[in-house]
Amino acid sequence: MAHVDKPGKFNGADFKRWQQKMMFYLTTLNLAGCLTEEAPVVAENETDSQKVIARDHWKNADYLCKNYILNALEDSLYSVYNEAKSAKELWESLDRKYKIEGAGSKKFIVGRFLDYVMLDTRSVTAQFQELQVLINEIKAEGMLLSEAFLVAAVIHKLPETWKEFKSYLMFKK
């Protein structure tokens, strides 16, 4: 398998992107299973060597997975999360913390889009590009907007001095 670069250090921003990159990286290392599976259970007096080998293999994979994740965190986050007992516990803890913040970020992006107003004092092209960036951020968060909605919203955001052109765009047949 070709070498895959490990994801950059996670600093608390763009969790969804980092999480996807980290999952891909762990998958290429055959360690991603530790994030969803529980350790094989072996009784203390169990002598079945296959079960013992499976448990030991899982423990080693879990150790590696947990430390790959920890090493992909900024030092300030490493200190917070290094007490996790397993890779799965660490992954779920990060997921809970940053997915909740991501929900707030969705509202923030939508708010920026709704509040955006184009001005006569700036180039319409530059302002339209800013709107495109906002629309792409909304789509990246998994929110779907119909084309008709987007067209109407962009027309509505044109400067007030463009009133006749706005009417033309809204009502042309």
Protein backbone atom coordinates (compact mmCIF):
# COMPACT_ATOMS: atom_id res chain seq x y z
CA MET A 1 0.00 0.00 0.00
CA ALA A 2 1.24 3.48 -0.83
CA HIS A 3 2.37 5.71 2.00
CA VAL A 4 -0.32 8.09 3.22
CA ASP A 5 0.69 11.27 4.99
CA LYS A 6 -0.64 11.55 8.48
CA PRO A 7 -3.09 14.37 9.11
CA GLY A 8 -1.83 17.64 10.50
CA LYS A 9 -2.16 18.47 14.17
CA PHE A 10 -5.72 19.11 15.33
CA ASN A 11 -5.98 22.43 17.16
CA GLY A 12 -9.72 22.52 17.79
CA ALA A 13 -10.77 23.95 14.40
CA ASP A 14 -12.23 22.11 11.38
CA PHE A 15 -12.87 18.94 13.36
CA LYS A 16 -14.96 17.25 10.69
CA ARG A 17 -12.17 17.58 8.10
CA TRP A 18 -9.48 16.42 10.55
CA GLN A 19 -11.66 13.51 11.69
CA GLN A 20 -12.15 12.29 8.12
CA LYS A 21 -8.43 12.54 7.36
CA MET A 22 -7.56 10.77 10.60
CA MET A 23 -10.06 7.99 9.91
CA PHE A 24 -8.55 7.46 6.46
CA TYR A 25 -5.05 7.41 7.92
CA LEU A 26 -6.00 4.89 10.61
CA THR A 27 -7.77 2.75 8.02
CA THR A 28 -4.62 2.59 5.89
CA LEU A 29 -2.76 1.40 9.00
CA ASN A 30 -5.47 -1.24 9.67
CA LEU A 31 -6.21 0.35 13.04
CA ALA A 32 -9.61 1.96 12.48
CA GLY A 33 -11.43 -1.10 13.84
CA CYS A 34 -10.33 -0.11 17.33
CA LEU A 35 -12.59 2.93 17.10
CA THR A 36 -15.75 0.83 16.75
CA GLU A 37 -14.98 -2.59 18.24
CA GLU A 38 -14.70 -3.68 21.84
CA ALA A 39 -11.74 -5.69 23.07
CA PRO A 40 -12.19 -9.45 22.80
CA VAL A 41 -13.23 -10.85 26.18
CA VAL A 42 -11.05 -13.62 27.58
CA ALA A 43 -11.72 -15.12 31.00
CA GLU A 44 -8.79 -15.17 33.45
CA ASN A 45 -8.56 -18.94 33.39
CA GLU A 46 -9.04 -19.07 29.59
CA THR A 47 -6.37 -21.11 27.86
CA ASP A 48 -7.66 -21.01 24.29
CA SER A 49 -4.59 -19.57 22.61
CA GLN A 50 -6.53 -18.10 19.69
CA LYS A 51 -8.67 -15.97 22.01
CA VAL A 52 -5.60 -14.86 23.96
CA ILE A 53 -3.75 -13.99 20.74
CA ALA A 54 -6.79 -12.07 19.44
CA ARG A 55 -7.01 -10.09 22.70
CA ASP A 56 -3.29 -9.31 22.68
CA HIS A 57 -3.45 -8.26 19.02
CA TRP A 58 -6.41 -5.98 19.78
CA LYS A 59 -4.62 -4.44 22.79
CA ASN A 60 -1.57 -3.68 20.64
CA ALA A 61 -3.69 -2.21 17.84
CA ASP A 62 -5.67 -0.14 20.36
CA TYR A 63 -2.45 1.18 21.92
CA LEU A 64 -1.12 2.20 18.51
CA CYS A 65 -4.44 3.72 17.40
CA LYS A 66 -4.85 5.74 20.59
CA ASN A 67 -1.32 7.10 20.35
CA TYR A 68 -1.59 7.94 16.64
CA ILE A 69 -4.67 10.01 17.51
CA LEU A 70 -3.02 11.64 20.53
CA ASN A 71 0.06 12.51 18.49
CA ALA A 72 -2.17 14.21 15.92
CA LEU A 73 -3.47 16.61 18.60
CA GLU A 74 -1.90 19.93 19.52
CA ASP A 75 -0.08 19.76 22.86
CA SER A 76 -2.84 21.61 24.71
CA LEU A 77 -5.41 19.04 23.55
CA TYR A 78 -3.02 16.13 24.12
CA SER A 79 -2.88 17.06 27.80
CA VAL A 80 -6.68 17.03 28.03
CA TYR A 81 -7.28 13.74 26.21
CA ASN A 82 -4.29 11.55 27.07
CA GLU A 83 -6.11 10.01 30.05
CA ALA A 84 -8.49 8.09 27.77
CA LYS A 85 -8.38 4.35 28.44
CA SER A 86 -8.82 3.28 24.81
CA ALA A 87 -8.77 4.60 21.28
CA LYS A 88 -12.54 4.22 21.10
CA GLU A 89 -13.07 6.24 24.30
CA LEU A 90 -10.70 8.96 23.01
CA TRP A 91 -12.40 9.08 19.58
CA GLU A 92 -15.89 9.28 21.08
CA SER A 93 -14.80 11.97 23.51
CA LEU A 94 -13.39 14.13 20.71
CA ASP A 95 -16.48 13.43 18.63
CA ARG A 96 -18.87 14.52 21.40
CA LYS A 97 -16.93 17.70 22.15
CA TYR A 98 -16.31 18.94 18.62
CA LYS A 99 -19.49 17.77 16.88
CA ILE A 100 -21.50 19.86 19.37
CA GLU A 101 -19.30 22.85 18.57
CA GLY A 102 -19.77 22.01 14.87
CA ALA A 103 -23.53 22.37 15.28
CA GLY A 104 -22.94 25.88 16.57
CA SER A 105 -20.67 26.54 13.62
CA LYS A 106 -23.48 25.56 11.22
CA LYS A 107 -25.72 28.17 12.78
CA PHE A 108 -22.93 30.72 12.58
CA ILE A 109 -22.34 30.05 8.86
CA VAL A 110 -26.06 30.23 8.08
CA GLY A 111 -26.28 33.48 10.05
CA ARG A 112 -23.39 34.97 8.08
CA PHE A 113 -25.12 33.98 4.83
CA LEU A 114 -28.47 35.45 5.89
CA ASP A 115 -26.87 38.68 7.13
CA TYR A 116 -24.71 39.18 4.05
CA VAL A 117 -25.59 42.34 2.12
CA MET A 118 -23.95 43.48 -1.09
CA LEU A 119 -22.80 47.10 -1.24
CA ASP A 120 -22.45 49.54 -4.12
CA THR A 121 -19.05 50.59 -2.86
CA ARG A 122 -17.45 47.23 -3.67
CA SER A 123 -17.12 45.13 -6.79
CA VAL A 124 -20.16 42.91 -7.37
CA THR A 125 -17.83 40.16 -8.63
CA ALA A 126 -15.78 40.17 -5.41
CA GLN A 127 -18.92 40.17 -3.28
CA PHE A 128 -20.43 37.34 -5.31
CA GLN A 129 -17.24 35.32 -4.73
CA GLU A 130 -17.64 35.91 -0.97
CA LEU A 131 -21.20 34.60 -1.24
CA GLN A 132 -19.95 31.54 -3.12
CA VAL A 133 -17.50 30.83 -0.29
CA LEU A 134 -20.35 31.04 2.24
CA ILE A 135 -22.51 28.74 0.10
CA ASN A 136 -19.66 26.23 -0.17
CA GLU A 137 -19.18 26.35 3.62
CA ILE A 138 -22.89 25.60 4.06
CA LYS A 139 -22.65 22.67 1.64
CA ALA A 140 -19.48 21.40 3.36
CA GLU A 141 -21.46 21.22 6.61
CA GLY A 142 -23.89 18.88 4.87
CA MET A 143 -26.75 21.35 4.54
CA LEU A 144 -28.46 21.22 1.18
CA LEU A 145 -29.96 24.29 -0.44
CA SER A 146 -32.03 24.18 -3.60
CA GLU A 147 -30.75 26.04 -6.63
CA ALA A 148 -33.94 28.10 -6.77
CA PHE A 149 -33.44 29.20 -3.15
CA LEU A 150 -29.81 30.18 -3.79
CA VAL A 151 -30.65 32.15 -6.93
CA ALA A 152 -33.43 34.04 -5.16
CA ALA A 153 -31.21 34.70 -2.13
CA VAL A 154 -28.36 36.06 -4.25
CA ILE A 155 -30.73 38.30 -6.22
CA HIS A 156 -32.20 39.56 -2.95
CA LYS A 157 -28.70 40.42 -1.69
CA LEU A 158 -27.88 42.69 -4.65
CA PRO A 159 -27.49 46.37 -3.70
CA GLU A 160 -30.67 48.45 -3.42
CA THR A 161 -29.56 50.62 -6.35
CA TRP A 162 -29.92 47.53 -8.54
CA LYS A 163 -33.68 47.49 -7.89
CA GLU A 164 -34.70 47.40 -11.57
CA PHE A 165 -32.20 44.66 -12.40
CA LYS A 166 -33.35 42.66 -9.36
CA SER A 167 -36.96 42.94 -10.57
CA TYR A 168 -35.93 41.88 -14.06
CA LEU A 169 -34.12 38.79 -12.69
CA MET A 170 -36.97 37.85 -10.35
CA PHE A 171 -39.77 38.15 -12.88
CA LYS A 172 -38.18 37.36 -16.24
CA LYS A 173 -39.86 34.59 -18.17
